[in-house]
mmCIF file of all heavy atoms, coordinates in Angstrom:
data_MODEL
# 
_entry.id   MODEL 
# 
loop_
_atom_site.group_PDB 
_atom_site.id 
_atom_site.type_symbol 
_atom_site.label_atom_id 
_atom_site.label_alt_id 
_atom_site.label_comp_id 
_atom_site.label_asym_id 
_atom_site.label_entity_id 
_atom_site.label_seq_id 
_atom_site.pdbx_PDB_ins_code 
_atom_site.Cartn_x 
_atom_site.Cartn_y 
_atom_site.Cartn_z 
_atom_site.occupancy 
_atom_site.B_iso_or_equiv 
_atom_site.pdbx_formal_charge 
_atom_site.auth_seq_id 
_atom_site.auth_comp_id 
_atom_site.auth_asym_id 
_atom_site.auth_atom_id 
_atom_site.pdbx_PDB_model_num 
ATOM 1   N N   . TYR A 1 1  ? -62.760 15.109 4.505  1.00 0.00 ? 1  TYR A N   1 
ATOM 2   C CA  . TYR A 1 1  ? -61.457 15.323 3.896  1.00 0.00 ? 1  TYR A CA  1 
ATOM 3   C C   . TYR A 1 1  ? -60.442 15.623 4.986  1.00 0.00 ? 1  TYR A C   1 
ATOM 4   O O   . TYR A 1 1  ? -60.619 16.562 5.760  1.00 0.00 ? 1  TYR A O   1 
ATOM 5   C CB  . TYR A 1 1  ? -61.518 16.466 2.884  1.00 0.00 ? 1  TYR A CB  1 
ATOM 6   C CG  . TYR A 1 1  ? -62.581 16.251 1.840  1.00 0.00 ? 1  TYR A CG  1 
ATOM 7   C CD1 . TYR A 1 1  ? -63.871 16.738 2.023  1.00 0.00 ? 1  TYR A CD1 1 
ATOM 8   C CD2 . TYR A 1 1  ? -62.303 15.527 0.683  1.00 0.00 ? 1  TYR A CD2 1 
ATOM 9   C CE1 . TYR A 1 1  ? -64.861 16.516 1.079  1.00 0.00 ? 1  TYR A CE1 1 
ATOM 10  C CE2 . TYR A 1 1  ? -63.287 15.303 -0.263 1.00 0.00 ? 1  TYR A CE2 1 
ATOM 11  C CZ  . TYR A 1 1  ? -64.562 15.794 -0.064 1.00 0.00 ? 1  TYR A CZ  1 
ATOM 12  O OH  . TYR A 1 1  ? -65.542 15.570 -0.998 1.00 0.00 ? 1  TYR A OH  1 
ATOM 13  N N   . ILE A 1 2  ? -59.382 14.819 5.030  1.00 0.00 ? 2  ILE A N   1 
ATOM 14  C CA  . ILE A 1 2  ? -58.330 15.011 6.009  1.00 0.00 ? 2  ILE A CA  1 
ATOM 15  C C   . ILE A 1 2  ? -57.124 15.657 5.328  1.00 0.00 ? 2  ILE A C   1 
ATOM 16  O O   . ILE A 1 2  ? -56.763 15.297 4.212  1.00 0.00 ? 2  ILE A O   1 
ATOM 17  C CB  . ILE A 1 2  ? -57.936 13.680 6.681  1.00 0.00 ? 2  ILE A CB  1 
ATOM 18  C CG1 . ILE A 1 2  ? -56.935 13.906 7.820  1.00 0.00 ? 2  ILE A CG1 1 
ATOM 19  C CG2 . ILE A 1 2  ? -57.420 12.667 5.672  1.00 0.00 ? 2  ILE A CG2 1 
ATOM 20  C CD1 . ILE A 1 2  ? -56.672 12.649 8.651  1.00 0.00 ? 2  ILE A CD1 1 
ATOM 21  N N   . HIS A 1 3  ? -56.518 16.619 5.994  1.00 0.00 ? 3  HIS A N   1 
ATOM 22  C CA  . HIS A 1 3  ? -55.262 17.172 5.519  1.00 0.00 ? 3  HIS A CA  1 
ATOM 23  C C   . HIS A 1 3  ? -54.465 17.682 6.715  1.00 0.00 ? 3  HIS A C   1 
ATOM 24  O O   . HIS A 1 3  ? -55.005 17.842 7.804  1.00 0.00 ? 3  HIS A O   1 
ATOM 25  C CB  . HIS A 1 3  ? -55.472 18.268 4.466  1.00 0.00 ? 3  HIS A CB  1 
ATOM 26  C CG  . HIS A 1 3  ? -56.147 19.511 4.962  1.00 0.00 ? 3  HIS A CG  1 
ATOM 27  N ND1 . HIS A 1 3  ? -57.497 19.586 5.186  1.00 0.00 ? 3  HIS A ND1 1 
ATOM 28  C CD2 . HIS A 1 3  ? -55.653 20.746 5.252  1.00 0.00 ? 3  HIS A CD2 1 
ATOM 29  C CE1 . HIS A 1 3  ? -57.819 20.803 5.600  1.00 0.00 ? 3  HIS A CE1 1 
ATOM 30  N NE2 . HIS A 1 3  ? -56.711 21.516 5.643  1.00 0.00 ? 3  HIS A NE2 1 
ATOM 31  N N   . ARG A 1 4  ? -53.199 17.913 6.498  1.00 0.00 ? 4  ARG A N   1 
ATOM 32  C CA  . ARG A 1 4  ? -52.327 18.334 7.589  1.00 0.00 ? 4  ARG A CA  1 
ATOM 33  C C   . ARG A 1 4  ? -51.438 19.479 7.152  1.00 0.00 ? 4  ARG A C   1 
ATOM 34  O O   . ARG A 1 4  ? -51.072 19.601 5.983  1.00 0.00 ? 4  ARG A O   1 
ATOM 35  C CB  . ARG A 1 4  ? -51.483 17.163 8.111  1.00 0.00 ? 4  ARG A CB  1 
ATOM 36  C CG  . ARG A 1 4  ? -50.532 16.559 7.102  1.00 0.00 ? 4  ARG A CG  1 
ATOM 37  C CD  . ARG A 1 4  ? -49.947 15.234 7.608  1.00 0.00 ? 4  ARG A CD  1 
ATOM 38  N NE  . ARG A 1 4  ? -49.009 15.416 8.699  1.00 0.00 ? 4  ARG A NE  1 
ATOM 39  C CZ  . ARG A 1 4  ? -48.507 14.434 9.431  1.00 0.00 ? 4  ARG A CZ  1 
ATOM 40  N NH1 . ARG A 1 4  ? -48.878 13.176 9.194  1.00 0.00 ? 4  ARG A NH1 1 
ATOM 41  N NH2 . ARG A 1 4  ? -47.650 14.694 10.398 1.00 0.00 ? 4  ARG A NH2 1 
ATOM 42  N N   . ASP A 1 5  ? -51.090 20.294 8.105  1.00 0.00 ? 5  ASP A N   1 
ATOM 43  C CA  . ASP A 1 5  ? -50.163 21.394 7.914  1.00 0.00 ? 5  ASP A CA  1 
ATOM 44  C C   . ASP A 1 5  ? -49.006 21.136 8.865  1.00 0.00 ? 5  ASP A C   1 
ATOM 45  O O   . ASP A 1 5  ? -49.099 21.430 10.059 1.00 0.00 ? 5  ASP A O   1 
ATOM 46  C CB  . ASP A 1 5  ? -50.838 22.727 8.201  1.00 0.00 ? 5  ASP A CB  1 
ATOM 47  C CG  . ASP A 1 5  ? -49.948 23.916 7.914  1.00 0.00 ? 5  ASP A CG  1 
ATOM 48  O OD1 . ASP A 1 5  ? -48.718 23.756 7.864  1.00 0.00 ? 5  ASP A OD1 1 
ATOM 49  O OD2 . ASP A 1 5  ? -50.486 25.028 7.738  1.00 0.00 ? 5  ASP A OD2 1 
ATOM 50  N N   . ASN A 1 6  ? -47.942 20.573 8.340  1.00 0.00 ? 6  ASN A N   1 
ATOM 51  C CA  . ASN A 1 6  ? -46.830 20.184 9.205  1.00 0.00 ? 6  ASN A CA  1 
ATOM 52  C C   . ASN A 1 6  ? -46.118 21.378 9.830  1.00 0.00 ? 6  ASN A C   1 
ATOM 53  O O   . ASN A 1 6  ? -45.548 21.260 10.914 1.00 0.00 ? 6  ASN A O   1 
ATOM 54  C CB  . ASN A 1 6  ? -45.839 19.325 8.422  1.00 0.00 ? 6  ASN A CB  1 
ATOM 55  C CG  . ASN A 1 6  ? -46.374 17.939 8.149  1.00 0.00 ? 6  ASN A CG  1 
ATOM 56  O OD1 . ASN A 1 6  ? -47.359 17.510 8.755  1.00 0.00 ? 6  ASN A OD1 1 
ATOM 57  N ND2 . ASN A 1 6  ? -45.729 17.221 7.235  1.00 0.00 ? 6  ASN A ND2 1 
ATOM 58  N N   . ALA A 1 7  ? -46.142 22.514 9.162  1.00 0.00 ? 7  ALA A N   1 
ATOM 59  C CA  . ALA A 1 7  ? -45.525 23.704 9.728  1.00 0.00 ? 7  ALA A CA  1 
ATOM 60  C C   . ALA A 1 7  ? -46.228 24.140 11.007 1.00 0.00 ? 7  ALA A C   1 
ATOM 61  O O   . ALA A 1 7  ? -45.614 24.747 11.886 1.00 0.00 ? 7  ALA A O   1 
ATOM 62  C CB  . ALA A 1 7  ? -45.520 24.840 8.718  1.00 0.00 ? 7  ALA A CB  1 
ATOM 63  N N   . LYS A 1 8  ? -47.517 23.835 11.104 1.00 0.00 ? 8  LYS A N   1 
ATOM 64  C CA  . LYS A 1 8  ? -48.308 24.191 12.279 1.00 0.00 ? 8  LYS A CA  1 
ATOM 65  C C   . LYS A 1 8  ? -48.592 23.001 13.181 1.00 0.00 ? 8  LYS A C   1 
ATOM 66  O O   . LYS A 1 8  ? -49.290 23.160 14.191 1.00 0.00 ? 8  LYS A O   1 
ATOM 67  C CB  . LYS A 1 8  ? -49.629 24.823 11.850 1.00 0.00 ? 8  LYS A CB  1 
ATOM 68  C CG  . LYS A 1 8  ? -49.474 26.107 11.054 1.00 0.00 ? 8  LYS A CG  1 
ATOM 69  C CD  . LYS A 1 8  ? -50.833 26.669 10.665 1.00 0.00 ? 8  LYS A CD  1 
ATOM 70  C CE  . LYS A 1 8  ? -50.687 27.963 9.895  1.00 0.00 ? 8  LYS A CE  1 
ATOM 71  N NZ  . LYS A 1 8  ? -52.008 28.512 9.489  1.00 0.00 ? 8  LYS A NZ  1 
ATOM 72  N N   . ASN A 1 9  ? -48.086 21.835 12.816 1.00 0.00 ? 9  ASN A N   1 
ATOM 73  C CA  . ASN A 1 9  ? -48.362 20.605 13.563 1.00 0.00 ? 9  ASN A CA  1 
ATOM 74  C C   . ASN A 1 9  ? -49.857 20.419 13.788 1.00 0.00 ? 9  ASN A C   1 
ATOM 75  O O   . ASN A 1 9  ? -50.301 20.095 14.895 1.00 0.00 ? 9  ASN A O   1 
ATOM 76  C CB  . ASN A 1 9  ? -47.608 20.592 14.893 1.00 0.00 ? 9  ASN A CB  1 
ATOM 77  C CG  . ASN A 1 9  ? -46.123 20.401 14.718 1.00 0.00 ? 9  ASN A CG  1 
ATOM 78  O OD1 . ASN A 1 9  ? -45.681 19.679 13.821 1.00 0.00 ? 9  ASN A OD1 1 
ATOM 79  N ND2 . ASN A 1 9  ? -45.335 21.033 15.574 1.00 0.00 ? 9  ASN A ND2 1 
ATOM 80  N N   . THR A 1 10 ? -50.605 20.608 12.732 1.00 0.00 ? 10 THR A N   1 
ATOM 81  C CA  . THR A 1 10 ? -52.055 20.577 12.814 1.00 0.00 ? 10 THR A CA  1 
ATOM 82  C C   . THR A 1 10 ? -52.629 19.653 11.753 1.00 0.00 ? 10 THR A C   1 
ATOM 83  O O   . THR A 1 10 ? -52.166 19.643 10.612 1.00 0.00 ? 10 THR A O   1 
ATOM 84  C CB  . THR A 1 10 ? -52.633 21.982 12.641 1.00 0.00 ? 10 THR A CB  1 
ATOM 85  O OG1 . THR A 1 10 ? -52.107 22.840 13.665 1.00 0.00 ? 10 THR A OG1 1 
ATOM 86  C CG2 . THR A 1 10 ? -54.152 21.977 12.746 1.00 0.00 ? 10 THR A CG2 1 
ATOM 87  N N   . VAL A 1 11 ? -53.641 18.894 12.140 1.00 0.00 ? 11 VAL A N   1 
ATOM 88  C CA  . VAL A 1 11 ? -54.392 18.066 11.209 1.00 0.00 ? 11 VAL A CA  1 
ATOM 89  C C   . VAL A 1 11 ? -55.842 18.516 11.247 1.00 0.00 ? 11 VAL A C   1 
ATOM 90  O O   . VAL A 1 11 ? -56.358 18.895 12.305 1.00 0.00 ? 11 VAL A O   1 
ATOM 91  C CB  . VAL A 1 11 ? -54.259 16.563 11.525 1.00 0.00 ? 11 VAL A CB  1 
ATOM 92  C CG1 . VAL A 1 11 ? -54.825 16.231 12.900 1.00 0.00 ? 11 VAL A CG1 1 
ATOM 93  C CG2 . VAL A 1 11 ? -54.930 15.721 10.452 1.00 0.00 ? 11 VAL A CG2 1 
ATOM 94  N N   . TYR A 1 12 ? -56.480 18.478 10.094 1.00 0.00 ? 12 TYR A N   1 
ATOM 95  C CA  . TYR A 1 12 ? -57.848 18.945 9.959  1.00 0.00 ? 12 TYR A CA  1 
ATOM 96  C C   . TYR A 1 12 ? -58.737 17.827 9.436  1.00 0.00 ? 12 TYR A C   1 
ATOM 97  O O   . TYR A 1 12 ? -58.289 16.934 8.719  1.00 0.00 ? 12 TYR A O   1 
ATOM 98  C CB  . TYR A 1 12 ? -57.931 20.114 8.979  1.00 0.00 ? 12 TYR A CB  1 
ATOM 99  C CG  . TYR A 1 12 ? -57.040 21.276 9.325  1.00 0.00 ? 12 TYR A CG  1 
ATOM 100 C CD1 . TYR A 1 12 ? -55.743 21.355 8.830  1.00 0.00 ? 12 TYR A CD1 1 
ATOM 101 C CD2 . TYR A 1 12 ? -57.497 22.304 10.142 1.00 0.00 ? 12 TYR A CD2 1 
ATOM 102 C CE1 . TYR A 1 12 ? -54.919 22.421 9.141  1.00 0.00 ? 12 TYR A CE1 1 
ATOM 103 C CE2 . TYR A 1 12 ? -56.683 23.372 10.457 1.00 0.00 ? 12 TYR A CE2 1 
ATOM 104 C CZ  . TYR A 1 12 ? -55.397 23.430 9.956  1.00 0.00 ? 12 TYR A CZ  1 
ATOM 105 O OH  . TYR A 1 12 ? -54.591 24.497 10.277 1.00 0.00 ? 12 TYR A OH  1 
ATOM 106 N N   . LEU A 1 13 ? -59.995 17.909 9.779  1.00 0.00 ? 13 LEU A N   1 
ATOM 107 C CA  . LEU A 1 13 ? -61.005 17.056 9.182  1.00 0.00 ? 13 LEU A CA  1 
ATOM 108 C C   . LEU A 1 13 ? -62.143 17.950 8.726  1.00 0.00 ? 13 LEU A C   1 
ATOM 109 O O   . LEU A 1 13 ? -62.929 18.435 9.546  1.00 0.00 ? 13 LEU A O   1 
ATOM 110 C CB  . LEU A 1 13 ? -61.508 16.004 10.169 1.00 0.00 ? 13 LEU A CB  1 
ATOM 111 C CG  . LEU A 1 13 ? -62.444 14.953 9.574  1.00 0.00 ? 13 LEU A CG  1 
ATOM 112 C CD1 . LEU A 1 13 ? -61.680 14.040 8.613  1.00 0.00 ? 13 LEU A CD1 1 
ATOM 113 C CD2 . LEU A 1 13 ? -63.112 14.131 10.671 1.00 0.00 ? 13 LEU A CD2 1 
ATOM 114 N N   . GLN A 1 14 ? -62.198 18.179 7.422  1.00 0.00 ? 14 GLN A N   1 
ATOM 115 C CA  . GLN A 1 14 ? -63.290 18.944 6.839  1.00 0.00 ? 14 GLN A CA  1 
ATOM 116 C C   . GLN A 1 14 ? -64.440 17.989 6.560  1.00 0.00 ? 14 GLN A C   1 
ATOM 117 O O   . GLN A 1 14 ? -64.264 16.999 5.853  1.00 0.00 ? 14 GLN A O   1 
ATOM 118 C CB  . GLN A 1 14 ? -62.842 19.620 5.554  1.00 0.00 ? 14 GLN A CB  1 
ATOM 119 C CG  . GLN A 1 14 ? -63.936 20.410 4.846  1.00 0.00 ? 14 GLN A CG  1 
ATOM 120 C CD  . GLN A 1 14 ? -64.363 21.626 5.618  1.00 0.00 ? 14 GLN A CD  1 
ATOM 121 O OE1 . GLN A 1 14 ? -63.532 22.447 6.003  1.00 0.00 ? 14 GLN A OE1 1 
ATOM 122 N NE2 . GLN A 1 14 ? -65.656 21.750 5.866  1.00 0.00 ? 14 GLN A NE2 1 
ATOM 123 N N   . MET A 1 15 ? -65.592 18.286 7.114  1.00 0.00 ? 15 MET A N   1 
ATOM 124 C CA  . MET A 1 15 ? -66.758 17.427 6.990  1.00 0.00 ? 15 MET A CA  1 
ATOM 125 C C   . MET A 1 15 ? -67.864 18.201 6.284  1.00 0.00 ? 15 MET A C   1 
ATOM 126 O O   . MET A 1 15 ? -68.240 19.289 6.721  1.00 0.00 ? 15 MET A O   1 
ATOM 127 C CB  . MET A 1 15 ? -67.237 16.956 8.364  1.00 0.00 ? 15 MET A CB  1 
ATOM 128 C CG  . MET A 1 15 ? -66.157 16.273 9.187  1.00 0.00 ? 15 MET A CG  1 
ATOM 129 S SD  . MET A 1 15 ? -66.768 15.682 10.794 1.00 0.00 ? 15 MET A SD  1 
ATOM 130 C CE  . MET A 1 15 ? -67.081 17.260 11.597 1.00 0.00 ? 15 MET A CE  1 
ATOM 131 N N   . VAL A 1 16 ? -68.371 17.631 5.208  1.00 0.00 ? 16 VAL A N   1 
ATOM 132 C CA  . VAL A 1 16 ? -69.464 18.244 4.469  1.00 0.00 ? 16 VAL A CA  1 
ATOM 133 C C   . VAL A 1 16 ? -70.601 17.245 4.337  1.00 0.00 ? 16 VAL A C   1 
ATOM 134 O O   . VAL A 1 16 ? -70.423 16.045 4.527  1.00 0.00 ? 16 VAL A O   1 
ATOM 135 C CB  . VAL A 1 16 ? -69.008 18.734 3.080  1.00 0.00 ? 16 VAL A CB  1 
ATOM 136 C CG1 . VAL A 1 16 ? -67.883 19.753 3.210  1.00 0.00 ? 16 VAL A CG1 1 
ATOM 137 C CG2 . VAL A 1 16 ? -68.562 17.568 2.213  1.00 0.00 ? 16 VAL A CG2 1 
ATOM 138 N N   . ASN A 1 17 ? -71.776 17.755 3.996  1.00 0.00 ? 17 ASN A N   1 
ATOM 139 C CA  . ASN A 1 17 ? -72.964 16.921 3.848  1.00 0.00 ? 17 ASN A CA  1 
ATOM 140 C C   . ASN A 1 17 ? -73.139 15.998 5.052  1.00 0.00 ? 17 ASN A C   1 
ATOM 141 O O   . ASN A 1 17 ? -73.335 14.794 4.915  1.00 0.00 ? 17 ASN A O   1 
ATOM 142 C CB  . ASN A 1 17 ? -72.902 16.114 2.557  1.00 0.00 ? 17 ASN A CB  1 
ATOM 143 C CG  . ASN A 1 17 ? -74.224 15.465 2.202  1.00 0.00 ? 17 ASN A CG  1 
ATOM 144 O OD1 . ASN A 1 17 ? -75.286 15.919 2.626  1.00 0.00 ? 17 ASN A OD1 1 
ATOM 145 N ND2 . ASN A 1 17 ? -74.168 14.385 1.425  1.00 0.00 ? 17 ASN A ND2 1 
ATOM 146 N N   . LEU A 1 18 ? -73.092 16.581 6.220  1.00 0.00 ? 18 LEU A N   1 
ATOM 147 C CA  . LEU A 1 18 ? -73.180 15.795 7.444  1.00 0.00 ? 18 LEU A CA  1 
ATOM 148 C C   . LEU A 1 18 ? -74.550 15.144 7.590  1.00 0.00 ? 18 LEU A C   1 
ATOM 149 O O   . LEU A 1 18 ? -75.574 15.704 7.187  1.00 0.00 ? 18 LEU A O   1 
ATOM 150 C CB  . LEU A 1 18 ? -72.883 16.672 8.647  1.00 0.00 ? 18 LEU A CB  1 
ATOM 151 C CG  . LEU A 1 18 ? -71.395 16.963 8.849  1.00 0.00 ? 18 LEU A CG  1 
ATOM 152 C CD1 . LEU A 1 18 ? -71.198 18.188 9.730  1.00 0.00 ? 18 LEU A CD1 1 
ATOM 153 C CD2 . LEU A 1 18 ? -70.696 15.753 9.458  1.00 0.00 ? 18 LEU A CD2 1 
ATOM 154 N N   . LYS A 1 19 ? -74.538 13.960 8.187  1.00 0.00 ? 19 LYS A N   1 
ATOM 155 C CA  . LYS A 1 19 ? -75.737 13.173 8.403  1.00 0.00 ? 19 LYS A CA  1 
ATOM 156 C C   . LYS A 1 19 ? -75.933 12.944 9.892  1.00 0.00 ? 19 LYS A C   1 
ATOM 157 O O   . LYS A 1 19 ? -74.970 12.966 10.659 1.00 0.00 ? 19 LYS A O   1 
ATOM 158 C CB  . LYS A 1 19 ? -75.619 11.817 7.695  1.00 0.00 ? 19 LYS A CB  1 
ATOM 159 C CG  . LYS A 1 19 ? -75.340 11.912 6.208  1.00 0.00 ? 19 LYS A CG  1 
ATOM 160 C CD  . LYS A 1 19 ? -75.111 10.534 5.608  1.00 0.00 ? 19 LYS A CD  1 
ATOM 161 C CE  . LYS A 1 19 ? -74.831 10.616 4.129  1.00 0.00 ? 19 LYS A CE  1 
ATOM 162 N NZ  . LYS A 1 19 ? -74.606 9.274  3.551  1.00 0.00 ? 19 LYS A NZ  1 
ATOM 163 N N   . PRO A 1 20 ? -77.165 12.690 10.322 1.00 0.00 ? 20 PRO A N   1 
ATOM 164 C CA  . PRO A 1 20 ? -77.374 12.390 11.748 1.00 0.00 ? 20 PRO A CA  1 
ATOM 165 C C   . PRO A 1 20 ? -76.506 11.237 12.254 1.00 0.00 ? 20 PRO A C   1 
ATOM 166 O O   . PRO A 1 20 ? -76.082 11.256 13.408 1.00 0.00 ? 20 PRO A O   1 
ATOM 167 C CB  . PRO A 1 20 ? -78.863 12.046 11.814 1.00 0.00 ? 20 PRO A CB  1 
ATOM 168 C CG  . PRO A 1 20 ? -79.466 12.864 10.724 1.00 0.00 ? 20 PRO A CG  1 
ATOM 169 C CD  . PRO A 1 20 ? -78.455 12.830 9.610  1.00 0.00 ? 20 PRO A CD  1 
ATOM 170 N N   . ASP A 1 21 ? -76.228 10.256 11.402 1.00 0.00 ? 21 ASP A N   1 
ATOM 171 C CA  . ASP A 1 21 ? -75.388 9.134  11.814 1.00 0.00 ? 21 ASP A CA  1 
ATOM 172 C C   . ASP A 1 21 ? -73.937 9.534  12.051 1.00 0.00 ? 21 ASP A C   1 
ATOM 173 O O   . ASP A 1 21 ? -73.163 8.742  12.589 1.00 0.00 ? 21 ASP A O   1 
ATOM 174 C CB  . ASP A 1 21 ? -75.437 8.017  10.769 1.00 0.00 ? 21 ASP A CB  1 
ATOM 175 C CG  . ASP A 1 21 ? -76.724 7.223  10.815 1.00 0.00 ? 21 ASP A CG  1 
ATOM 176 O OD1 . ASP A 1 21 ? -77.491 7.377  11.783 1.00 0.00 ? 21 ASP A OD1 1 
ATOM 177 O OD2 . ASP A 1 21 ? -76.967 6.437  9.871  1.00 0.00 ? 21 ASP A OD2 1 
ATOM 178 N N   . ASP A 1 22 ? -73.560 10.732 11.652 1.00 0.00 ? 22 ASP A N   1 
ATOM 179 C CA  . ASP A 1 22 ? -72.217 11.232 11.938 1.00 0.00 ? 22 ASP A CA  1 
ATOM 180 C C   . ASP A 1 22 ? -72.080 11.749 13.359 1.00 0.00 ? 22 ASP A C   1 
ATOM 181 O O   . ASP A 1 22 ? -70.967 12.085 13.785 1.00 0.00 ? 22 ASP A O   1 
ATOM 182 C CB  . ASP A 1 22 ? -71.835 12.345 10.967 1.00 0.00 ? 22 ASP A CB  1 
ATOM 183 C CG  . ASP A 1 22 ? -71.724 11.869 9.531  1.00 0.00 ? 22 ASP A CG  1 
ATOM 184 O OD1 . ASP A 1 22 ? -71.190 10.765 9.305  1.00 0.00 ? 22 ASP A OD1 1 
ATOM 185 O OD2 . ASP A 1 22 ? -72.163 12.613 8.631  1.00 0.00 ? 22 ASP A OD2 1 
ATOM 186 N N   . THR A 1 23 ? -73.177 11.840 14.081 1.00 0.00 ? 23 THR A N   1 
ATOM 187 C CA  . THR A 1 23 ? -73.135 12.321 15.459 1.00 0.00 ? 23 THR A CA  1 
ATOM 188 C C   . THR A 1 23 ? -72.255 11.413 16.302 1.00 0.00 ? 23 THR A C   1 
ATOM 189 O O   . THR A 1 23 ? -72.474 10.203 16.371 1.00 0.00 ? 23 THR A O   1 
ATOM 190 C CB  . THR A 1 23 ? -74.547 12.389 16.045 1.00 0.00 ? 23 THR A CB  1 
ATOM 191 O OG1 . THR A 1 23 ? -75.309 13.367 15.334 1.00 0.00 ? 23 THR A OG1 1 
ATOM 192 C CG2 . THR A 1 23 ? -74.515 12.765 17.521 1.00 0.00 ? 23 THR A CG2 1 
ATOM 193 N N   . ALA A 1 24 ? -71.257 11.990 16.934 1.00 0.00 ? 24 ALA A N   1 
ATOM 194 C CA  . ALA A 1 24 ? -70.297 11.221 17.716 1.00 0.00 ? 24 ALA A CA  1 
ATOM 195 C C   . ALA A 1 24 ? -69.317 12.174 18.370 1.00 0.00 ? 24 ALA A C   1 
ATOM 196 O O   . ALA A 1 24 ? -69.257 13.357 18.032 1.00 0.00 ? 24 ALA A O   1 
ATOM 197 C CB  . ALA A 1 24 ? -69.531 10.233 16.830 1.00 0.00 ? 24 ALA A CB  1 
ATOM 198 N N   . VAL A 1 25 ? -68.536 11.638 19.277 1.00 0.00 ? 25 VAL A N   1 
ATOM 199 C CA  . VAL A 1 25 ? -67.350 12.327 19.751 1.00 0.00 ? 25 VAL A CA  1 
ATOM 200 C C   . VAL A 1 25 ? -66.216 11.976 18.806 1.00 0.00 ? 25 VAL A C   1 
ATOM 201 O O   . VAL A 1 25 ? -65.957 10.802 18.547 1.00 0.00 ? 25 VAL A O   1 
ATOM 202 C CB  . VAL A 1 25 ? -66.991 11.932 21.190 1.00 0.00 ? 25 VAL A CB  1 
ATOM 203 C CG1 . VAL A 1 25 ? -65.696 12.611 21.623 1.00 0.00 ? 25 VAL A CG1 1 
ATOM 204 C CG2 . VAL A 1 25 ? -68.126 12.317 22.142 1.00 0.00 ? 25 VAL A CG2 1 
ATOM 205 N N   . TYR A 1 26 ? -65.553 12.977 18.292 1.00 0.00 ? 26 TYR A N   1 
ATOM 206 C CA  . TYR A 1 26 ? -64.472 12.784 17.339 1.00 0.00 ? 26 TYR A CA  1 
ATOM 207 C C   . TYR A 1 26 ? -63.134 12.969 18.039 1.00 0.00 ? 26 TYR A C   1 
ATOM 208 O O   . TYR A 1 26 ? -62.927 13.961 18.739 1.00 0.00 ? 26 TYR A O   1 
ATOM 209 C CB  . TYR A 1 26 ? -64.599 13.760 16.172 1.00 0.00 ? 26 TYR A CB  1 
ATOM 210 C CG  . TYR A 1 26 ? -65.666 13.348 15.198 1.00 0.00 ? 26 TYR A CG  1 
ATOM 211 C CD1 . TYR A 1 26 ? -67.010 13.440 15.528 1.00 0.00 ? 26 TYR A CD1 1 
ATOM 212 C CD2 . TYR A 1 26 ? -65.331 12.836 13.940 1.00 0.00 ? 26 TYR A CD2 1 
ATOM 213 C CE1 . TYR A 1 26 ? -67.996 13.032 14.649 1.00 0.00 ? 26 TYR A CE1 1 
ATOM 214 C CE2 . TYR A 1 26 ? -66.306 12.431 13.050 1.00 0.00 ? 26 TYR A CE2 1 
ATOM 215 C CZ  . TYR A 1 26 ? -67.642 12.530 13.406 1.00 0.00 ? 26 TYR A CZ  1 
ATOM 216 O OH  . TYR A 1 26 ? -68.617 12.126 12.521 1.00 0.00 ? 26 TYR A OH  1 
ATOM 217 N N   . TYR A 1 27 ? -62.241 12.015 17.822 1.00 0.00 ? 27 TYR A N   1 
ATOM 218 C CA  . TYR A 1 27 ? -60.941 12.010 18.464 1.00 0.00 ? 27 TYR A CA  1 
ATOM 219 C C   . TYR A 1 27 ? -59.824 12.136 17.439 1.00 0.00 ? 27 TYR A C   1 
ATOM 220 O O   . TYR A 1 27 ? -59.801 11.407 16.442 1.00 0.00 ? 27 TYR A O   1 
ATOM 221 C CB  . TYR A 1 27 ? -60.718 10.709 19.244 1.00 0.00 ? 27 TYR A CB  1 
ATOM 222 C CG  . TYR A 1 27 ? -61.685 10.499 20.381 1.00 0.00 ? 27 TYR A CG  1 
ATOM 223 C CD1 . TYR A 1 27 ? -62.868 9.802  20.192 1.00 0.00 ? 27 TYR A CD1 1 
ATOM 224 C CD2 . TYR A 1 27 ? -61.400 10.991 21.650 1.00 0.00 ? 27 TYR A CD2 1 
ATOM 225 C CE1 . TYR A 1 27 ? -63.758 9.604  21.233 1.00 0.00 ? 27 TYR A CE1 1 
ATOM 226 C CE2 . TYR A 1 27 ? -62.284 10.790 22.694 1.00 0.00 ? 27 TYR A CE2 1 
ATOM 227 C CZ  . TYR A 1 27 ? -63.454 10.097 22.482 1.00 0.00 ? 27 TYR A CZ  1 
ATOM 228 O OH  . TYR A 1 27 ? -64.330 9.899  23.521 1.00 0.00 ? 27 TYR A OH  1 
ATOM 229 N N   . CYS A 1 28 ? -58.912 13.012 17.702 1.00 0.00 ? 28 CYS A N   1 
ATOM 230 C CA  . CYS A 1 28 ? -57.674 13.095 16.955 1.00 0.00 ? 28 CYS A CA  1 
ATOM 231 C C   . CYS A 1 28 ? -56.696 12.071 17.522 1.00 0.00 ? 28 CYS A C   1 
ATOM 232 O O   . CYS A 1 28 ? -56.602 11.896 18.742 1.00 0.00 ? 28 CYS A O   1 
ATOM 233 C CB  . CYS A 1 28 ? -57.108 14.506 17.076 1.00 0.00 ? 28 CYS A CB  1 
ATOM 234 S SG  . CYS A 1 28 ? -55.537 14.786 16.268 1.00 0.00 ? 28 CYS A SG  1 
# 
């Protein structure tokens, strides 16, 4: 789930039920 807080100039990626195939370097 992606969401952003423009007041903080921040974007989030909430990740649940992670799988081994999700292993990676994540880039904003």
